Amino acid sequence: MTTKTIKKLTALLAHLTIAFSLSLPAFAAEKAINNKIPAQCEKLFQATDKLLAEAKRQPGTHTQLNKIQNKLNQSKKQILEMEVATQIKSCDHGLAKLNTLNKGAQE
């Protein structure tokens, strides 16, 4: 279980990093109105927080978790700096990737 959770977090982080880098040209002046986070991003952030909490409860993960958590927090911040449409698109991609990872872990 420990390895699966770390692999999910690492894969999700890689996906978010790629999604962010592809979205750089889409940065624009229009950011989230009143700092409201799109529902897709709330769901993605909650899912990553849940994975982190799950990983923290497992032995042998602490050496990797601080690094992963810092990178995830950086990705969250970068997503929230995007225009709203790009936030939604990036979070939809992240949720799809997480869903794929979860399906693969169940098999």
C-alpha atoms as a PDB file:
ATOM      1  CA  MET A   1       0.000   0.000   0.000  1.00  0.00           C
ATOM      2  CA  THR A   2       2.809   2.410   0.826  1.00  0.00           C
ATOM      3  CA  THR A   3       4.429   2.077  -2.568  1.00  0.00           C
ATOM      4  CA  LYS A   4       1.114   2.455  -4.388  1.00  0.00           C
ATOM      5  CA  THR A   5       0.260   5.680  -2.563  1.00  0.00           C
ATOM      6  CA  ILE A   6       3.686   7.188  -3.199  1.00  0.00           C
ATOM      7  CA  LYS A   7       3.512   6.120  -6.855  1.00  0.00           C
ATOM      8  CA  LYS A   8       0.068   7.744  -7.202  1.00  0.00           C
ATOM      9  CA  LEU A   9       1.293  10.975  -5.657  1.00  0.00           C
ATOM     10  CA  THR A  10       4.432  11.007  -7.793  1.00  0.00           C
ATOM     11  CA  ALA A  11       2.499  10.275 -10.998  1.00  0.00           C
ATOM     12  CA  LEU A  12      -0.088  12.919 -10.176  1.00  0.00           C
ATOM     13  CA  LEU A  13       2.635  15.430  -9.421  1.00  0.00           C
ATOM     14  CA  ALA A  14       4.326  14.701 -12.743  1.00  0.00           C
ATOM     15  CA  HIS A  15       1.004  15.120 -14.527  1.00  0.00           C
ATOM     16  CA  LEU A  16       0.274  18.432 -12.801  1.00  0.00           C
ATOM     17  CA  THR A  17       3.761  19.683 -13.653  1.00  0.00           C
ATOM     18  CA  ILE A  18       3.247  18.816 -17.316  1.00  0.00           C
ATOM     19  CA  ALA A  19      -0.246  20.344 -17.357  1.00  0.00           C
ATOM     20  CA  PHE A  20       1.126  23.508 -15.788  1.00  0.00           C
ATOM     21  CA  SER A  21       4.000  23.820 -18.242  1.00  0.00           C
ATOM     22  CA  LEU A  22       1.631  23.354 -21.191  1.00  0.00           C
ATOM     23  CA  SER A  23      -0.679  26.026 -19.780  1.00  0.00           C
ATOM     24  CA  LEU A  24       1.961  28.723 -19.334  1.00  0.00           C
ATOM     25  CA  PRO A  25       0.982  30.550 -22.537  1.00  0.00           C
ATOM     26  CA  ALA A  26      -2.588  30.625 -21.273  1.00  0.00           C
ATOM     27  CA  PHE A  27      -1.768  32.812 -18.257  1.00  0.00           C
ATOM     28  CA  ALA A  28      -3.931  35.893 -18.484  1.00  0.00           C
ATOM     29  CA  ALA A  29      -5.187  38.805 -16.462  1.00  0.00           C
ATOM     30  CA  GLU A  30      -8.490  37.049 -15.747  1.00  0.00           C
ATOM     31  CA  LYS A  31      -7.970  35.040 -12.584  1.00  0.00           C
ATOM     32  CA  ALA A  32     -10.527  33.486 -10.299  1.00  0.00           C
ATOM     33  CA  ILE A  33     -13.096  36.083  -9.354  1.00  0.00           C
ATOM     34  CA  ASN A  34     -13.129  36.743  -5.604  1.00  0.00           C
ATOM     35  CA  ASN A  35     -10.516  33.987  -5.223  1.00  0.00           C
ATOM     36  CA  LYS A  36     -13.199  31.353  -5.763  1.00  0.00           C
ATOM     37  CA  ILE A  37     -11.648  28.019  -6.620  1.00  0.00           C
ATOM     38  CA  PRO A  38     -13.380  25.990  -9.355  1.00  0.00           C
ATOM     39  CA  ALA A  39     -15.129  22.837  -8.107  1.00  0.00           C
ATOM     40  CA  GLN A  40     -12.790  20.639 -10.158  1.00  0.00           C
ATOM     41  CA  CYS A  41      -9.771  22.117  -8.391  1.00  0.00           C
ATOM     42  CA  GLU A  42     -11.371  21.778  -4.955  1.00  0.00           C
ATOM     43  CA  LYS A  43     -12.015  18.110  -5.708  1.00  0.00           C
ATOM     44  CA  LEU A  44      -8.469  17.555  -6.994  1.00  0.00           C
ATOM     45  CA  PHE A  45      -6.887  19.330  -4.027  1.00  0.00           C
ATOM     46  CA  GLN A  46      -9.019  17.328  -1.583  1.00  0.00           C
ATOM     47  CA  ALA A  47      -8.017  14.088  -3.317  1.00  0.00           C
ATOM     48  CA  THR A  48      -4.313  14.940  -3.142  1.00  0.00           C
ATOM     49  CA  ASP A  49      -4.648  15.933   0.514  1.00  0.00           C
ATOM     50  CA  LYS A  50      -6.347  12.600   1.207  1.00  0.00           C
ATOM     51  CA  LEU A  51      -3.530  10.706  -0.536  1.00  0.00           C
ATOM     52  CA  LEU A  52      -0.948  12.616   1.477  1.00  0.00           C
ATOM     53  CA  ALA A  53      -2.763  11.866   4.727  1.00  0.00           C
ATOM     54  CA  GLU A  54      -2.960   8.193   3.771  1.00  0.00           C
ATOM     55  CA  ALA A  55       0.743   8.095   2.942  1.00  0.00           C
ATOM     56  CA  LYS A  56       1.672   9.827   6.225  1.00  0.00           C
ATOM     57  CA  ARG A  57       0.029   7.023   8.191  1.00  0.00           C
ATOM     58  CA  GLN A  58       2.209   4.418   6.536  1.00  0.00           C
ATOM     59  CA  PRO A  59       5.709   3.571   7.735  1.00  0.00           C
ATOM     60  CA  GLY A  60       8.710   4.394   5.614  1.00  0.00           C
ATOM     61  CA  THR A  61       7.143   7.230   3.616  1.00  0.00           C
ATOM     62  CA  HIS A  62       8.234  10.239   5.639  1.00  0.00           C
ATOM     63  CA  THR A  63      11.513  10.760   3.829  1.00  0.00           C
ATOM     64  CA  GLN A  64       9.716  11.192   0.508  1.00  0.00           C
ATOM     65  CA  LEU A  65       6.569  12.937   1.680  1.00  0.00           C
ATOM     66  CA  ASN A  66       8.001  16.345   2.528  1.00  0.00           C
ATOM     67  CA  LYS A  67       9.429  16.684  -0.965  1.00  0.00           C
ATOM     68  CA  ILE A  68       6.215  15.457  -2.601  1.00  0.00           C
ATOM     69  CA  GLN A  69       4.035  17.675  -0.418  1.00  0.00           C
ATOM     70  CA  ASN A  70       6.136  20.742  -1.216  1.00  0.00           C
ATOM     71  CA  LYS A  71       5.894  20.059  -4.945  1.00  0.00           C
ATOM     72  CA  LEU A  72       2.132  19.457  -4.738  1.00  0.00           C
ATOM     73  CA  ASN A  73       1.685  22.720  -2.837  1.00  0.00           C
ATOM     74  CA  GLN A  74       3.723  24.513  -5.480  1.00  0.00           C
ATOM     75  CA  SER A  75       1.553  22.964  -8.224  1.00  0.00           C
ATOM     76  CA  LYS A  76      -1.628  24.039  -6.401  1.00  0.00           C
ATOM     77  CA  LYS A  77      -0.316  27.586  -6.147  1.00  0.00           C
ATOM     78  CA  GLN A  78       0.607  27.639  -9.845  1.00  0.00           C
ATOM     79  CA  ILE A  79      -2.809  26.306 -10.838  1.00  0.00           C
ATOM     80  CA  LEU A  80      -4.532  28.991  -8.784  1.00  0.00           C
ATOM     81  CA  GLU A  81      -2.504  31.675 -10.578  1.00  0.00           C
ATOM     82  CA  MET A  82      -3.925  30.599 -13.945  1.00  0.00           C
ATOM     83  CA  GLU A  83      -6.968  32.071 -15.601  1.00  0.00           C
ATOM     84  CA  VAL A  84     -10.197  30.342 -14.560  1.00  0.00           C
ATOM     85  CA  ALA A  85     -10.706  28.383 -17.800  1.00  0.00           C
ATOM     86  CA  THR A  86      -7.156  27.053 -17.596  1.00  0.00           C
ATOM     87  CA  GLN A  87      -7.616  26.165 -13.920  1.00  0.00           C
ATOM     88  CA  ILE A  88     -10.670  24.117 -14.807  1.00  0.00           C
ATOM     89  CA  LYS A  89      -8.918  22.401 -17.707  1.00  0.00           C
ATOM     90  CA  SER A  90      -5.811  21.597 -15.644  1.00  0.00           C
ATOM     91  CA  CYS A  91      -7.828  20.266 -12.707  1.00  0.00           C
ATOM     92  CA  ASP A  92     -10.032  18.184 -15.016  1.00  0.00           C
ATOM     93  CA  HIS A  93      -6.858  16.618 -16.441  1.00  0.00           C
ATOM     94  CA  GLY A  94      -5.510  16.022 -12.932  1.00  0.00           C
ATOM     95  CA  LEU A  95      -8.765  14.362 -11.840  1.00  0.00           C
ATOM     96  CA  ALA A  96      -8.772  12.168 -14.939  1.00  0.00           C
ATOM     97  CA  LYS A  97      -5.175  11.118 -14.247  1.00  0.00           C
ATOM     98  CA  LEU A  98      -5.988  10.390 -10.603  1.00  0.00           C
ATOM     99  CA  ASN A  99      -9.021   8.352 -11.666  1.00  0.00           C
ATOM    100  CA  THR A 100      -6.834   6.338 -14.041  1.00  0.00           C
ATOM    101  CA  LEU A 101      -4.270   5.754 -11.294  1.00  0.00           C
ATOM    102  CA  ASN A 102      -6.983   4.643  -8.883  1.00  0.00           C
ATOM    103  CA  LYS A 103      -8.403   2.198 -11.423  1.00  0.00           C
ATOM    104  CA  GLY A 104      -4.941   0.765 -12.035  1.00  0.00           C
ATOM    105  CA  ALA A 105      -4.378   0.305  -8.298  1.00  0.00           C
ATOM    106  CA  GLN A 106      -7.625  -1.643  -7.956  1.00  0.00           C
ATOM    107  CA  GLU A 107      -6.644  -4.160 -10.611  1.00  0.00           C
END
